[in-house]
C-alpha atoms as a PDB file:
ATOM      1  CA  MET A   1       4.275  62.553  98.454  1.00  0.00           C
ATOM      2  CA  THR A   2       2.821  59.050  98.689  1.00  0.00           C
ATOM      3  CA  ARG A   3       2.584  56.792 101.694  1.00  0.00           C
ATOM      4  CA  ARG A   4       2.470  53.016 101.672  1.00  0.00           C
ATOM      5  CA  TYR A   5       0.219  50.835 103.801  1.00  0.00           C
ATOM      6  CA  CYS A   6       0.295  47.042 103.968  1.00  0.00           C
ATOM      7  CA  LEU A   7      -2.720  45.104 105.180  1.00  0.00           C
ATOM      8  CA  THR A   8      -3.655  41.457 105.559  1.00  0.00           C
ATOM      9  CA  LEU A   9      -6.795  39.341 105.550  1.00  0.00           C
ATOM     10  CA  ASP A  10      -7.566  35.641 105.255  1.00  0.00           C
ATOM     11  CA  LEU A  11      -9.830  33.786 102.872  1.00  0.00           C
ATOM     12  CA  LYS A  12     -11.926  30.791 103.820  1.00  0.00           C
ATOM     13  CA  ASN A  13      -9.995  27.587 103.279  1.00  0.00           C
ATOM     14  CA  ASP A  14     -11.975  26.402 100.271  1.00  0.00           C
ATOM     15  CA  PRO A  15     -10.162  26.123  96.911  1.00  0.00           C
ATOM     16  CA  GLU A  16     -13.342  26.727  94.883  1.00  0.00           C
ATOM     17  CA  MET A  17     -14.197  29.862  96.863  1.00  0.00           C
ATOM     18  CA  ILE A  18     -10.616  31.134  96.553  1.00  0.00           C
ATOM     19  CA  ALA A  19     -10.757  30.621  92.776  1.00  0.00           C
ATOM     20  CA  GLU A  20     -14.060  32.510  92.635  1.00  0.00           C
ATOM     21  CA  TYR A  21     -12.587  35.353  94.725  1.00  0.00           C
ATOM     22  CA  GLN A  22      -9.693  35.575  92.266  1.00  0.00           C
ATOM     23  CA  ARG A  23     -12.116  35.696  89.321  1.00  0.00           C
ATOM     24  CA  TYR A  24     -13.957  38.634  90.885  1.00  0.00           C
ATOM     25  CA  HIS A  25     -10.657  40.465  91.325  1.00  0.00           C
ATOM     26  CA  ARG A  26      -9.711  39.963  87.683  1.00  0.00           C
ATOM     27  CA  HIS A  27     -12.904  41.847  86.779  1.00  0.00           C
ATOM     28  CA  ILE A  28     -13.478  44.359  89.578  1.00  0.00           C
ATOM     29  CA  TRP A  29     -16.560  46.469  89.105  1.00  0.00           C
ATOM     30  CA  PRO A  30     -15.717  49.940  87.743  1.00  0.00           C
ATOM     31  CA  GLU A  31     -17.592  51.594  90.620  1.00  0.00           C
ATOM     32  CA  ILE A  32     -15.212  49.884  93.063  1.00  0.00           C
ATOM     33  CA  THR A  33     -12.122  51.023  91.180  1.00  0.00           C
ATOM     34  CA  LYS A  34     -13.534  54.563  91.103  1.00  0.00           C
ATOM     35  CA  SER A  35     -14.239  54.588  94.838  1.00  0.00           C
ATOM     36  CA  ILE A  36     -10.693  53.376  95.560  1.00  0.00           C
ATOM     37  CA  ARG A  37      -9.122  56.057  93.369  1.00  0.00           C
ATOM     38  CA  ASP A  38     -11.464  58.783  94.646  1.00  0.00           C
ATOM     39  CA  SER A  39     -10.315  58.066  98.211  1.00  0.00           C
ATOM     40  CA  GLY A  40      -6.701  58.939  97.378  1.00  0.00           C
ATOM     41  CA  VAL A  41      -5.334  55.479  96.622  1.00  0.00           C
ATOM     42  CA  GLU A  42      -2.804  55.859  93.815  1.00  0.00           C
ATOM     43  CA  ASP A  43      -1.895  52.189  93.482  1.00  0.00           C
ATOM     44  CA  MET A  44      -3.062  48.927  95.033  1.00  0.00           C
ATOM     45  CA  GLU A  45      -1.836  45.354  94.740  1.00  0.00           C
ATOM     46  CA  ILE A  46      -3.157  42.212  96.431  1.00  0.00           C
ATOM     47  CA  TYR A  47      -1.124  39.010  96.739  1.00  0.00           C
ATOM     48  CA  LEU A  48      -2.252  35.549  97.821  1.00  0.00           C
ATOM     49  CA  LEU A  49      -0.435  32.687  99.549  1.00  0.00           C
ATOM     50  CA  GLY A  50      -2.687  29.796 100.534  1.00  0.00           C
ATOM     51  CA  THR A  51      -5.533  31.568 102.294  1.00  0.00           C
ATOM     52  CA  ARG A  52      -3.572  34.687 103.343  1.00  0.00           C
ATOM     53  CA  LEU A  53      -4.054  37.917 101.395  1.00  0.00           C
ATOM     54  CA  PHE A  54      -1.522  40.750 101.490  1.00  0.00           C
ATOM     55  CA  MET A  55      -2.462  44.215 100.180  1.00  0.00           C
ATOM     56  CA  ILE A  56      -0.082  47.058  99.368  1.00  0.00           C
ATOM     57  CA  MET A  57      -1.643  50.500  99.001  1.00  0.00           C
ATOM     58  CA  GLU A  58       0.181  53.603  97.803  1.00  0.00           C
ATOM     59  CA  VAL A  59      -1.859  56.642  98.830  1.00  0.00           C
ATOM     60  CA  ASN A  60      -1.628  60.394  98.312  1.00  0.00           C
ATOM     61  CA  GLU A  61      -1.823  63.144 100.923  1.00  0.00           C
ATOM     62  CA  ASN A  62      -5.652  63.247 100.673  1.00  0.00           C
ATOM     63  CA  PHE A  63      -6.122  59.651 101.839  1.00  0.00           C
ATOM     64  CA  SER A  64      -7.435  58.754 105.276  1.00  0.00           C
ATOM     65  CA  PHE A  65      -8.826  55.435 106.465  1.00  0.00           C
ATOM     66  CA  SER A  66     -11.691  57.134 108.289  1.00  0.00           C
ATOM     67  CA  ALA A  67     -12.711  59.244 105.275  1.00  0.00           C
ATOM     68  CA  LYS A  68     -12.598  56.155 103.041  1.00  0.00           C
ATOM     69  CA  ALA A  69     -14.718  54.174 105.524  1.00  0.00           C
ATOM     70  CA  GLN A  70     -17.265  56.986 105.706  1.00  0.00           C
ATOM     71  CA  ALA A  71     -17.455  57.298 101.905  1.00  0.00           C
ATOM     72  CA  ASP A  72     -17.788  53.518 101.559  1.00  0.00           C
ATOM     73  CA  CYS A  73     -20.705  53.457 104.016  1.00  0.00           C
ATOM     74  CA  GLY A  74     -22.578  55.927 101.818  1.00  0.00           C
ATOM     75  CA  ASN A  75     -21.877  54.109  98.554  1.00  0.00           C
ATOM     76  CA  PRO A  76     -24.443  51.356  97.798  1.00  0.00           C
ATOM     77  CA  LYS A  77     -22.250  49.708  95.146  1.00  0.00           C
ATOM     78  CA  VAL A  78     -19.290  49.489  97.557  1.00  0.00           C
ATOM     79  CA  GLN A  79     -21.623  48.021 100.187  1.00  0.00           C
ATOM     80  CA  GLU A  80     -22.843  45.437  97.660  1.00  0.00           C
ATOM     81  CA  TRP A  81     -19.220  44.545  96.772  1.00  0.00           C
ATOM     82  CA  GLU A  82     -18.198  44.313 100.438  1.00  0.00           C
ATOM     83  CA  LYS A  83     -21.142  42.038 101.240  1.00  0.00           C
ATOM     84  CA  LEU A  84     -20.274  39.812  98.272  1.00  0.00           C
ATOM     85  CA  MET A  85     -16.560  39.656  99.179  1.00  0.00           C
ATOM     86  CA  GLY A  86     -17.431  39.001 102.821  1.00  0.00           C
ATOM     87  CA  LYS A  87     -18.655  35.515 101.990  1.00  0.00           C
ATOM     88  CA  PHE A  88     -15.077  34.597 100.970  1.00  0.00           C
ATOM     89  CA  GLN A  89     -13.179  36.384 103.743  1.00  0.00           C
ATOM     90  CA  GLU A  90     -12.182  35.554 107.306  1.00  0.00           C
ATOM     91  CA  PRO A  91     -10.486  37.978 109.661  1.00  0.00           C
ATOM     92  CA  VAL A  92      -6.950  37.183 110.799  1.00  0.00           C
ATOM     93  CA  PRO A  93      -6.718  36.150 114.466  1.00  0.00           C
ATOM     94  CA  GLN A  94      -5.353  39.608 115.399  1.00  0.00           C
ATOM     95  CA  ALA A  95      -8.384  41.459 113.964  1.00  0.00           C
ATOM     96  CA  ARG A  96     -10.653  43.433 116.269  1.00  0.00           C
ATOM     97  CA  PRO A  97     -14.387  42.614 116.165  1.00  0.00           C
ATOM     98  CA  GLY A  98     -15.829  43.787 112.840  1.00  0.00           C
ATOM     99  CA  GLU A  99     -12.379  44.456 111.326  1.00  0.00           C
ATOM    100  CA  LYS A 100     -11.516  42.867 107.988  1.00  0.00           C
ATOM    101  CA  TRP A 101      -8.273  44.135 106.498  1.00  0.00           C
ATOM    102  CA  VAL A 102      -5.719  44.600 109.307  1.00  0.00           C
ATOM    103  CA  LEU A 103      -2.894  47.111 109.046  1.00  0.00           C
ATOM    104  CA  MET A 104       0.526  45.470 109.266  1.00  0.00           C
ATOM    105  CA  GLU A 105       3.521  46.904 111.094  1.00  0.00           C
ATOM    106  CA  GLN A 106       6.660  47.590 109.070  1.00  0.00           C
ATOM    107  CA  ILE A 107       9.637  46.007 110.810  1.00  0.00           C
ATOM    108  CA  PHE A 108      12.357  46.440 108.152  1.00  0.00           C
ATOM    109  CA  LYS A 109      13.223  48.709 105.245  1.00  0.00           C
ATOM    110  CA  LEU A 110      16.321  48.385 103.109  1.00  0.00           C
ATOM    111  CA  GLU A 111      17.884  51.818 103.032  1.00  0.00           C
ATOM    112  CA  HIS A 112      19.845  53.071 100.025  1.00  0.00           C
END
């Protein structure tokens, strides 16, 4: 059984930096893709509107945010990627100190 999480984050309001961020995401490092999959993420999509990013993650029963965070802390390549991406990113106003991607609350689901 998969679960879905939706998260949001802002980018700095600079068209050149946004374009560069998009270029990086067209060619994500293989170590980053591996770390995402190894954590239990089955599928991930990121959308952009202006400076606002919206991520959809489909995860399996093995996924946990805390386990992923712990694994990421011990992975030098993920730390390098996160530092690089950090120069483009800004937390949304609702983010806690040190928080980047913020979990969104589902308020509607179309039932069958």
